[in-house]
Amino acid sequence: MYFVYIMASEHYGTLYVGVTNDLLRRAAEHRSDAVPGFTKRYGVHRLVYFEPYESVEDAIVREKVLKRWRRDWKCALIDRENPTWQDLYDGLSR
């Protein structure tokens, strides 16, 4: 299983789109600033959206599409699926 996910710094804050085969591990890495880069620099720690995919190819295609989207489209997608921009990480770790 593969996942396309969106992390946010806060409600309507800085966004990051990524792809992974281990969503729990990857979200934990973002949350703990384990890997230097964009999410660490901008404090992007909140998992606000994700989609599962069976194939890595499909996940990568979707990731590239979302990365090209305008910011307001990404925010609307999150609003539709997670209107309070709740951190979904806690639900994954149970």
N, C-alpha and C. Protein backbone atom coordinates (compact mmCIF):
# COMPACT_ATOMS: atom_id res chain seq x y z
N MET A 1 0.85 -1.18 0.00
CA MET A 1 0.00 0.00 0.00
C MET A 1 0.90 1.24 0.00
N TYR A 2 0.48 2.22 -0.78
CA TYR A 2 1.20 3.49 -0.88
C TYR A 2 0.22 4.62 -0.56
N PHE A 3 0.77 5.73 -0.14
CA PHE A 3 -0.07 6.85 0.27
C PHE A 3 0.46 8.16 -0.30
N VAL A 4 -0.47 8.98 -0.78
CA VAL A 4 -0.19 10.37 -1.09
C VAL A 4 -0.76 11.13 0.09
N TYR A 5 0.01 12.07 0.61
CA TYR A 5 -0.43 12.74 1.83
C TYR A 5 -0.12 14.23 1.76
N ILE A 6 -0.85 14.98 2.58
CA ILE A 6 -0.60 16.41 2.71
C ILE A 6 -0.38 16.71 4.19
N MET A 7 0.72 17.39 4.46
CA MET A 7 1.05 17.87 5.80
C MET A 7 0.82 19.38 5.81
N ALA A 8 0.48 19.93 6.98
CA ALA A 8 0.27 21.37 7.12
C ALA A 8 0.94 21.87 8.39
N SER A 9 1.34 23.12 8.38
CA SER A 9 1.93 23.71 9.58
C SER A 9 0.84 24.09 10.59
N GLU A 10 -0.32 24.47 10.07
CA GLU A 10 -1.47 24.86 10.89
C GLU A 10 -2.68 24.94 9.97
N HIS A 11 -3.82 25.30 10.51
CA HIS A 11 -5.02 25.47 9.70
C HIS A 11 -4.75 26.54 8.64
N TYR A 12 -4.85 26.19 7.38
CA TYR A 12 -4.55 27.05 6.23
C TYR A 12 -3.09 27.53 6.21
N GLY A 13 -2.21 26.77 6.84
CA GLY A 13 -0.80 27.14 6.89
C GLY A 13 -0.02 26.61 5.69
N THR A 14 1.28 26.49 5.87
CA THR A 14 2.17 25.97 4.84
C THR A 14 1.84 24.50 4.57
N LEU A 15 1.81 24.11 3.29
CA LEU A 15 1.45 22.75 2.90
C LEU A 15 2.62 22.01 2.27
N TYR A 16 2.63 20.69 2.47
CA TYR A 16 3.63 19.82 1.85
C TYR A 16 2.91 18.59 1.33
N VAL A 17 3.17 18.20 0.09
CA VAL A 17 2.58 17.01 -0.53
C VAL A 17 3.69 15.98 -0.70
N GLY A 18 3.42 14.74 -0.30
CA GLY A 18 4.42 13.69 -0.42
C GLY A 18 3.79 12.35 -0.73
N VAL A 19 4.65 11.36 -0.94
CA VAL A 19 4.22 9.98 -1.19
C VAL A 19 5.10 9.05 -0.37
N THR A 20 4.51 7.97 0.15
CA THR A 20 5.26 7.03 0.99
C THR A 20 4.59 5.66 0.97
N ASN A 21 5.34 4.66 1.37
CA ASN A 21 4.76 3.32 1.53
C ASN A 21 4.51 3.01 3.02
N ASP A 22 4.87 3.94 3.91
CA ASP A 22 4.65 3.77 5.34
C ASP A 22 4.23 5.12 5.93
N LEU A 23 2.94 5.37 5.90
CA LEU A 23 2.41 6.68 6.29
C LEU A 23 2.70 7.00 7.76
N LEU A 24 2.55 6.03 8.63
CA LEU A 24 2.78 6.26 10.05
C LEU A 24 4.23 6.68 10.30
N ARG A 25 5.17 5.96 9.72
CA ARG A 25 6.59 6.28 9.89
C ARG A 25 6.93 7.64 9.31
N ARG A 26 6.43 7.90 8.09
CA ARG A 26 6.78 9.15 7.41
C ARG A 26 6.20 10.36 8.13
N ALA A 27 4.94 10.24 8.58
CA ALA A 27 4.33 11.34 9.33
C ALA A 27 5.10 11.57 10.64
N ALA A 28 5.53 10.51 11.29
CA ALA A 28 6.31 10.64 12.52
C ALA A 28 7.63 11.36 12.24
N GLU A 29 8.26 11.06 11.11
CA GLU A 29 9.50 11.75 10.73
C GLU A 29 9.26 13.24 10.55
N HIS A 30 8.18 13.59 9.88
CA HIS A 30 7.86 15.01 9.70
C HIS A 30 7.59 15.67 11.06
N ARG A 31 6.83 15.00 11.90
CA ARG A 31 6.44 15.57 13.20
C ARG A 31 7.64 15.81 14.10
N SER A 32 8.64 14.95 14.00
CA SER A 32 9.80 15.04 14.90
C SER A 32 10.98 15.78 14.28
N ASP A 33 10.79 16.30 13.06
CA ASP A 33 11.88 16.99 12.35
C ASP A 33 13.10 16.10 12.17
N ALA A 34 12.87 14.80 11.99
CA ALA A 34 13.96 13.82 11.86
C ALA A 34 14.77 14.01 10.58
N VAL A 35 14.14 14.55 9.56
CA VAL A 35 14.82 14.73 8.27
C VAL A 35 14.89 16.23 7.97
N PRO A 36 16.10 16.74 7.71
CA PRO A 36 16.20 18.17 7.37
C PRO A 36 15.51 18.45 6.03
N GLY A 37 15.00 19.64 5.89
CA GLY A 37 14.36 20.02 4.63
C GLY A 37 13.17 20.93 4.85
N PHE A 38 12.29 20.93 3.88
CA PHE A 38 11.16 21.86 3.83
C PHE A 38 10.28 21.78 5.08
N THR A 39 9.86 20.56 5.44
CA THR A 39 8.91 20.44 6.55
C THR A 39 9.53 20.85 7.87
N LYS A 40 10.80 20.58 8.05
CA LYS A 40 11.48 21.01 9.27
C LYS A 40 11.63 22.53 9.30
N ARG A 41 12.05 23.09 8.17
CA ARG A 41 12.27 24.54 8.09
C ARG A 41 11.00 25.33 8.36
N TYR A 42 9.85 24.82 7.87
CA TYR A 42 8.59 25.57 7.97
C TYR A 42 7.64 25.03 9.04
N GLY A 43 8.09 24.09 9.85
CA GLY A 43 7.25 23.57 10.93
C GLY A 43 6.00 22.87 10.46
N VAL A 44 6.12 22.10 9.41
CA VAL A 44 4.98 21.39 8.82
C VAL A 44 4.88 20.02 9.49
N HIS A 45 4.03 19.92 10.51
CA HIS A 45 3.98 18.72 11.35
C HIS A 45 2.62 18.03 11.40
N ARG A 46 1.60 18.60 10.81
CA ARG A 46 0.24 18.10 10.97
C ARG A 46 -0.20 17.33 9.71
N LEU A 47 -0.51 16.05 9.85
CA LEU A 47 -1.04 15.24 8.74
C LEU A 47 -2.52 15.58 8.59
N VAL A 48 -2.88 16.22 7.48
CA VAL A 48 -4.27 16.68 7.33
C VAL A 48 -5.05 15.96 6.23
N TYR A 49 -4.35 15.17 5.40
CA TYR A 49 -5.03 14.50 4.29
C TYR A 49 -4.17 13.36 3.78
N PHE A 50 -4.81 12.27 3.37
CA PHE A 50 -4.08 11.20 2.68
C PHE A 50 -5.02 10.37 1.83
N GLU A 51 -4.45 9.74 0.82
CA GLU A 51 -5.17 8.84 -0.09
C GLU A 51 -4.34 7.57 -0.25
N PRO A 52 -4.95 6.38 -0.13
CA PRO A 52 -4.22 5.12 -0.34
C PRO A 52 -4.22 4.72 -1.82
N TYR A 53 -3.16 4.06 -2.22
CA TYR A 53 -3.02 3.54 -3.59
C TYR A 53 -2.39 2.16 -3.54
N GLU A 54 -2.82 1.30 -4.45
CA GLU A 54 -2.25 -0.04 -4.54
C GLU A 54 -0.88 -0.04 -5.19
N SER A 55 -0.67 0.84 -6.16
CA SER A 55 0.61 0.83 -6.88
C SER A 55 1.37 2.13 -6.65
N VAL A 56 2.68 2.01 -6.60
CA VAL A 56 3.53 3.19 -6.41
C VAL A 56 3.40 4.12 -7.61
N GLU A 57 3.22 3.55 -8.79
CA GLU A 57 3.09 4.38 -9.99
C GLU A 57 1.86 5.29 -9.90
N ASP A 58 0.73 4.73 -9.48
CA ASP A 58 -0.48 5.54 -9.33
C ASP A 58 -0.31 6.62 -8.26
N ALA A 59 0.36 6.26 -7.18
CA ALA A 59 0.59 7.23 -6.10
C ALA A 59 1.47 8.38 -6.57
N ILE A 60 2.51 8.06 -7.32
CA ILE A 60 3.41 9.10 -7.81
C ILE A 60 2.71 10.02 -8.80
N VAL A 61 1.88 9.45 -9.66
CA VAL A 61 1.12 10.27 -10.61
C VAL A 61 0.22 11.24 -9.85
N ARG A 62 -0.49 10.74 -8.84
CA ARG A 62 -1.38 11.60 -8.06
C ARG A 62 -0.60 12.68 -7.30
N GLU A 63 0.55 12.30 -6.73
CA GLU A 63 1.38 13.27 -6.02
C GLU A 63 1.78 14.41 -6.95
N LYS A 64 2.19 14.06 -8.16
CA LYS A 64 2.61 15.09 -9.12
C LYS A 64 1.45 16.00 -9.50
N VAL A 65 0.26 15.42 -9.64
CA VAL A 65 -0.93 16.21 -9.94
C VAL A 65 -1.21 17.20 -8.80
N LEU A 66 -1.21 16.69 -7.57
CA LEU A 66 -1.49 17.57 -6.42
C LEU A 66 -0.44 18.65 -6.26
N LYS A 67 0.81 18.34 -6.54
CA LYS A 67 1.86 19.35 -6.41
C LYS A 67 1.68 20.48 -7.41
N ARG A 68 1.04 20.19 -8.55
CA ARG A 68 0.78 21.23 -9.56
C ARG A 68 -0.47 22.04 -9.25
N TRP A 69 -1.31 21.54 -8.38
CA TRP A 69 -2.54 22.25 -8.03
C TRP A 69 -2.23 23.58 -7.37
N ARG A 70 -3.14 24.52 -7.57
CA ARG A 70 -3.05 25.79 -6.85
C ARG A 70 -3.31 25.54 -5.37
N ARG A 71 -2.77 26.41 -4.56
CA ARG A 71 -2.91 26.28 -3.11
C ARG A 71 -4.38 26.23 -2.67
N ASP A 72 -5.22 27.10 -3.24
CA ASP A 72 -6.62 27.13 -2.83
C ASP A 72 -7.34 25.83 -3.18
N TRP A 73 -6.93 25.14 -4.23
CA TRP A 73 -7.53 23.85 -4.57
C TRP A 73 -7.15 22.80 -3.53
N LYS A 74 -5.89 22.82 -3.11
CA LYS A 74 -5.45 21.89 -2.07
C LYS A 74 -6.20 22.15 -0.77
N CYS A 75 -6.34 23.42 -0.41
CA CYS A 75 -7.08 23.77 0.81
C CYS A 75 -8.54 23.32 0.72
N ALA A 76 -9.14 23.47 -0.45
CA ALA A 76 -10.53 23.04 -0.63
C ALA A 76 -10.65 21.52 -0.50
N LEU A 77 -9.67 20.78 -1.00
CA LEU A 77 -9.66 19.33 -0.87
C LEU A 77 -9.59 18.94 0.61
N ILE A 78 -8.70 19.57 1.35
CA ILE A 78 -8.58 19.30 2.78
C ILE A 78 -9.87 19.69 3.50
N ASP A 79 -10.41 20.86 3.18
CA ASP A 79 -11.66 21.32 3.80
C ASP A 79 -12.79 20.31 3.60
N ARG A 80 -12.86 19.74 2.40
CA ARG A 80 -13.93 18.79 2.09
C ARG A 80 -13.80 17.49 2.90
N GLU A 81 -12.58 17.00 3.05
CA GLU A 81 -12.35 15.71 3.70
C GLU A 81 -12.04 15.82 5.20
N ASN A 82 -11.48 16.96 5.61
CA ASN A 82 -11.06 17.16 7.00
C ASN A 82 -11.31 18.62 7.36
N PRO A 83 -12.58 19.01 7.51
CA PRO A 83 -12.94 20.43 7.64
C PRO A 83 -12.28 21.16 8.81
N THR A 84 -11.93 20.45 9.86
CA THR A 84 -11.29 21.10 11.01
C THR A 84 -9.77 21.05 10.92
N TRP A 85 -9.26 20.47 9.86
CA TRP A 85 -7.81 20.31 9.67
C TRP A 85 -7.19 19.59 10.86
N GLN A 86 -7.93 18.62 11.38
CA GLN A 86 -7.46 17.80 12.50
C GLN A 86 -6.21 17.03 12.09
N ASP A 87 -5.28 16.87 13.01
CA ASP A 87 -4.09 16.05 12.75
C ASP A 87 -4.53 14.59 12.74
N LEU A 88 -4.41 13.94 11.59
CA LEU A 88 -4.88 12.57 11.42
C LEU A 88 -3.88 11.53 11.94
N TYR A 89 -2.72 11.97 12.35
CA TYR A 89 -1.67 11.06 12.81
C TYR A 89 -2.13 10.20 13.98
N ASP A 90 -2.80 10.80 14.96
CA ASP A 90 -3.23 10.05 16.13
C ASP A 90 -4.15 8.89 15.78
N GLY A 91 -5.00 9.08 14.79
CA GLY A 91 -5.87 8.01 14.35
C GLY A 91 -5.13 6.87 13.67
N LEU A 92 -3.98 7.17 13.09
CA LEU A 92 -3.17 6.14 12.43
C LEU A 92 -2.42 5.28 13.44
N SER A 93 -1.98 5.89 14.52
CA SER A 93 -1.09 5.22 15.44
C SER A 93 -1.81 4.29 16.41
N ARG A 94 -3.12 4.24 16.33
CA ARG A 94 -3.89 3.37 17.25
C ARG A 94 -4.12 2.01 16.65
